[in-house]
Amino acid sequence: MKKMTSILLAVFLSTTLVMAQGMPDPKVPQGENLNVPEGWEVRLDRPMENLVISSSPDSGDIYFVNMTPGWHVTTGPRAIFWHPENRAHMLYKVSTKLHLFNPEGRNREGYGLFFGGMNLDKDNQYYLYFLLRNTGDFLIKARKGSETETLQEWTSSDAIVKYEDESVSSVVNTLSVIVERQKMKFYINEQEVATLEKGDWTTGGLFGLRVNHAVNLHVEDLGMEEMITITTEN
């Protein structure tokens, strides 16, 4: 009897394919460089009237601009950032490369990825998120409407690079999430820091950035790799 074996492979989306699908390419500004990116959406945790997203770091509530490669974000209020074409389904890996600038003592403010996003402009918004902070900890949570649920409490990890030396301009951390059939795996700087059962959590949907209060970040990369299953005969 022949045995069928499934092999899961990661396939990087090429720049050409990313552009064809409409996903924003970090090497190509959406609109003009140093201007607010065209087509992106922003949602605050707590709505505020007359929110100003500015291309000037000295004005507005949030500074958010194309700064190739990638984007620069300096928050006032906590927010999520996404492009409507940034969608991931089934089996995939999402990742981002983030440069944290001097937090000026605000070491407990988290920043990182969200994925599985649905209804992000509605009251019943939903997404899962994976954050780190300059204390050297990471967190995994889910947002459902106005409520959140903790999947993993703030947990210390030696994989996190902390900003501790003011003689450097920034420190870099890469966050990744791999969604498999039964599990979700979380990585910081290519080191696996957590594995959770997928269970009933919905993981297909929009992905993007989550940045808490008063964080100064350069987002060098934000992207998705599709995972494909190849079945072979033994």
Protein backbone atom coordinates (compact mmCIF):
# COMPACT_ATOMS: atom_id res chain seq x y z
CA MET A 1 0.00 0.00 0.00
CA LYS A 2 1.31 3.47 -0.85
CA LYS A 3 1.58 5.96 1.96
CA MET A 4 0.80 9.62 1.37
CA THR A 5 3.03 12.10 3.17
CA SER A 6 2.25 15.80 3.45
CA ILE A 7 5.16 18.21 3.52
CA LEU A 8 4.61 21.80 4.59
CA LEU A 9 6.79 24.29 2.76
CA ALA A 10 7.17 28.04 3.15
CA VAL A 11 7.15 29.97 -0.09
CA PHE A 12 8.32 33.59 -0.02
CA LEU A 13 6.13 35.93 -2.00
CA SER A 14 8.30 37.71 -4.53
CA THR A 15 8.14 41.47 -4.89
CA THR A 16 6.38 41.03 -8.23
CA LEU A 17 3.71 38.81 -6.74
CA VAL A 18 3.20 41.08 -3.73
CA MET A 19 2.67 44.05 -6.03
CA ALA A 20 0.33 42.05 -8.24
CA GLN A 21 -1.83 41.19 -5.26
CA GLY A 22 -1.93 44.81 -4.19
CA MET A 23 -0.07 44.30 -0.93
CA PRO A 24 2.08 47.33 -0.09
CA ASP A 25 5.74 46.81 -0.90
CA PRO A 26 8.06 48.28 1.78
CA LYS A 27 10.50 49.24 -0.98
CA VAL A 28 7.91 51.30 -2.85
CA PRO A 29 6.11 54.18 -1.08
CA GLN A 30 2.33 54.26 -1.20
CA GLY A 31 2.15 57.76 -2.59
CA GLU A 32 5.07 60.10 -1.96
CA ASN A 33 7.98 59.27 0.32
CA LEU A 34 7.80 61.10 3.67
CA ASN A 35 4.05 61.59 3.21
CA VAL A 36 1.23 59.71 4.96
CA PRO A 37 0.86 56.35 3.13
CA GLU A 38 -2.07 56.18 0.75
CA GLY A 39 -4.67 53.47 1.30
CA TRP A 40 -3.74 52.58 4.87
CA GLU A 41 -6.26 52.47 7.73
CA VAL A 42 -5.73 53.42 11.37
CA ARG A 43 -7.95 52.61 14.34
CA LEU A 44 -7.46 53.81 17.89
CA ASP A 45 -8.23 51.74 20.98
CA ARG A 46 -10.20 54.69 22.27
CA PRO A 47 -11.90 56.79 19.59
CA MET A 48 -11.12 60.49 19.59
CA GLU A 49 -12.68 63.33 17.65
CA ASN A 50 -10.66 65.07 14.97
CA LEU A 51 -7.79 62.58 14.92
CA VAL A 52 -4.89 64.01 12.90
CA ILE A 53 -2.45 61.64 11.22
CA SER A 54 0.41 63.85 10.08
CA SER A 55 3.53 63.78 7.92
CA SER A 56 5.15 66.19 10.37
CA PRO A 57 6.63 64.76 13.59
CA ASP A 58 5.87 68.03 15.37
CA SER A 59 2.14 68.17 14.64
CA GLY A 60 -0.81 65.82 14.68
CA ASP A 61 -1.77 63.00 17.00
CA ILE A 62 0.10 60.26 15.08
CA TYR A 63 3.13 60.63 12.81
CA PHE A 64 2.87 58.01 10.05
CA VAL A 65 4.81 58.28 6.79
CA ASN A 66 6.37 56.33 3.95
CA MET A 67 10.07 56.09 4.70
CA THR A 68 11.51 53.52 2.34
CA PRO A 69 12.36 50.86 2.98
CA GLY A 70 9.18 50.69 5.04
CA TRP A 71 7.30 53.21 7.13
CA HIS A 72 7.86 55.35 10.21
CA VAL A 73 5.33 55.52 13.02
CA THR A 74 5.33 57.65 16.16
CA THR A 75 2.17 57.24 18.16
CA GLY A 76 0.35 59.43 20.55
CA PRO A 77 -2.66 57.20 21.32
CA ARG A 78 -2.57 53.40 20.93
CA ALA A 79 -3.56 52.23 17.45
CA ILE A 80 -3.55 49.49 14.85
CA PHE A 81 -2.34 50.14 11.29
CA TRP A 82 -3.23 48.05 8.24
CA HIS A 83 -3.62 48.08 4.48
CA PRO A 84 -6.84 46.46 3.16
CA GLU A 85 -4.82 44.26 0.78
CA ASN A 86 -2.74 42.74 3.60
CA ARG A 87 -4.65 39.50 4.02
CA ALA A 88 -3.50 36.03 5.04
CA HIS A 89 -5.52 32.82 4.86
CA MET A 90 -5.12 29.17 5.74
CA LEU A 91 -1.43 28.37 6.41
CA TYR A 92 0.99 31.28 6.45
CA LYS A 93 3.73 33.26 8.14
CA VAL A 94 3.49 36.98 8.87
CA SER A 95 6.47 38.96 10.03
CA THR A 96 7.74 42.47 10.62
CA LYS A 97 11.15 44.03 11.24
CA LEU A 98 10.95 46.91 13.72
CA HIS A 99 13.48 49.54 14.79
CA LEU A 100 12.70 50.98 18.23
CA PHE A 101 14.05 54.45 18.91
CA ASN A 102 14.78 55.82 22.38
CA PRO A 103 11.67 55.05 24.46
CA GLU A 104 12.68 57.76 26.95
CA GLY A 105 11.70 55.64 29.91
CA ARG A 106 8.41 54.36 28.47
CA ASN A 107 9.67 50.80 28.48
CA ARG A 108 6.32 49.18 29.21
CA GLU A 109 4.63 50.26 25.97
CA GLY A 110 4.15 47.32 23.61
CA TYR A 111 4.49 47.16 19.84
CA GLY A 112 4.30 44.43 17.23
CA LEU A 113 1.98 42.47 14.93
CA PHE A 114 -1.68 41.70 14.66
CA PHE A 115 -3.22 39.01 12.44
CA GLY A 116 -6.57 37.33 11.77
CA GLY A 117 -8.20 40.75 11.62
CA MET A 118 -11.91 41.06 10.82
CA ASN A 119 -14.43 43.91 11.01
CA LEU A 120 -11.65 46.30 11.97
CA ASP A 121 -13.84 49.35 11.29
CA LYS A 122 -16.82 48.01 13.25
CA ASP A 123 -17.87 47.52 16.86
CA ASN A 124 -17.32 43.75 16.59
CA GLN A 125 -13.68 44.08 15.55
CA TYR A 126 -11.52 40.99 16.01
CA TYR A 127 -7.81 40.25 15.81
CA LEU A 128 -4.98 38.39 17.53
CA TYR A 129 -1.83 40.28 18.47
CA PHE A 130 1.77 39.60 19.42
CA LEU A 131 3.71 42.39 21.11
CA LEU A 132 7.04 42.96 22.78
CA ARG A 133 8.22 45.80 24.99
CA ASN A 134 11.51 47.27 26.10
CA THR A 135 11.36 45.49 29.45
CA GLY A 136 12.32 42.34 27.52
CA ASP A 137 8.85 40.77 27.65
CA PHE A 138 6.32 39.63 25.03
CA LEU A 139 2.54 39.25 25.12
CA ILE A 140 -0.09 37.39 23.05
CA LYS A 141 -3.72 38.50 23.22
CA ALA A 142 -6.97 38.58 21.27
CA ARG A 143 -9.33 41.51 20.82
CA LYS A 144 -13.04 40.83 20.42
CA GLY A 145 -15.04 44.03 20.20
CA SER A 146 -14.23 46.18 23.20
CA GLU A 147 -12.87 43.22 25.19
CA THR A 148 -9.50 41.50 25.15
CA GLU A 149 -8.45 37.99 26.15
CA THR A 150 -4.95 37.01 27.16
CA LEU A 151 -3.48 33.96 25.44
CA GLN A 152 -0.09 34.42 27.08
CA GLU A 153 0.78 36.92 29.81
CA TRP A 154 3.79 39.20 29.54
CA THR A 155 6.70 36.74 29.47
CA SER A 156 10.42 37.45 29.65
CA SER A 157 12.58 36.39 26.71
CA ASP A 158 16.30 36.70 26.09
CA ALA A 159 15.52 36.82 22.37
CA ILE A 160 14.37 40.45 22.67
CA VAL A 161 16.92 43.17 21.94
CA LYS A 162 16.34 46.02 24.41
CA TYR A 163 17.15 49.69 23.96
CA GLU A 164 19.60 50.32 26.80
CA ASP A 165 22.36 52.42 25.26
CA GLU A 166 21.49 55.99 24.33
CA SER A 167 24.59 56.22 22.14
CA VAL A 168 22.79 54.11 19.49
CA SER A 169 19.90 55.48 17.48
CA SER A 170 17.71 52.37 17.65
CA VAL A 171 17.52 48.62 18.26
CA VAL A 172 16.01 46.07 15.89
CA ASN A 173 13.66 43.16 16.58
CA THR A 174 11.91 40.88 14.11
CA LEU A 175 8.57 39.34 15.08
CA SER A 176 6.98 36.44 13.20
CA VAL A 177 3.90 34.26 13.55
CA ILE A 178 3.51 30.94 11.74
CA VAL A 179 -0.05 29.65 11.49
CA GLU A 180 -0.21 25.90 10.95
CA ARG A 181 -3.23 23.60 10.82
CA GLN A 182 -3.36 23.00 14.56
CA LYS A 183 -0.87 25.43 16.09
CA MET A 184 0.31 29.02 16.11
CA LYS A 185 4.05 29.54 16.59
CA PHE A 186 5.57 32.84 17.70
CA TYR A 187 9.13 33.96 17.01
CA ILE A 188 11.33 36.87 18.04
CA ASN A 189 14.55 37.29 16.06
CA GLU A 190 14.03 33.78 14.61
CA GLN A 191 13.85 32.20 18.07
CA GLU A 192 10.63 30.41 18.90
CA VAL A 193 9.23 31.91 22.10
CA ALA A 194 5.75 30.37 22.25
CA THR A 195 3.53 27.73 20.65
CA LEU A 196 -0.23 27.81 21.19
CA GLU A 197 -3.03 25.53 20.07
CA LYS A 198 -5.01 27.12 17.28
CA GLY A 199 -8.25 25.71 18.67
CA ASP A 200 -11.26 27.83 17.76
CA TRP A 201 -9.29 31.01 17.15
CA THR A 202 -9.89 32.51 13.73
CA THR A 203 -6.55 33.25 12.07
CA GLY A 204 -7.52 34.12 8.50
CA GLY A 205 -7.92 37.81 7.77
CA LEU A 206 -6.10 41.11 7.80
CA PHE A 207 -2.66 41.59 9.30
CA GLY A 208 -0.81 44.73 10.30
CA LEU A 209 0.84 46.61 13.12
CA ARG A 210 -0.21 47.34 16.66
CA VAL A 211 1.62 50.19 18.42
CA ASN A 212 0.85 51.34 21.93
CA HIS A 213 1.13 54.81 23.45
CA ALA A 214 4.04 57.12 22.56
CA VAL A 215 6.23 54.61 20.69
CA ASN A 216 8.74 55.75 18.04
CA LEU A 217 9.27 53.02 15.41
CA HIS A 218 10.66 52.49 11.97
CA VAL A 219 8.94 49.55 10.28
CA GLU A 220 11.52 48.22 7.84
CA ASP A 221 9.41 45.31 6.66
CA LEU A 222 5.92 43.89 6.99
CA GLY A 223 4.91 40.91 4.91
CA MET A 224 3.43 37.48 4.51
CA GLU A 225 4.64 34.11 3.26
CA GLU A 226 2.12 31.56 2.10
CA MET A 227 2.57 27.98 3.24
CA ILE A 228 1.75 25.23 0.78
CA THR A 229 1.26 21.52 1.34
CA ILE A 230 2.83 19.09 -1.13
CA THR A 231 1.64 15.49 -0.93
CA THR A 232 4.12 12.79 -1.94
CA GLU A 233 3.78 9.06 -2.39
CA ASN A 234 6.04 6.72 -0.43
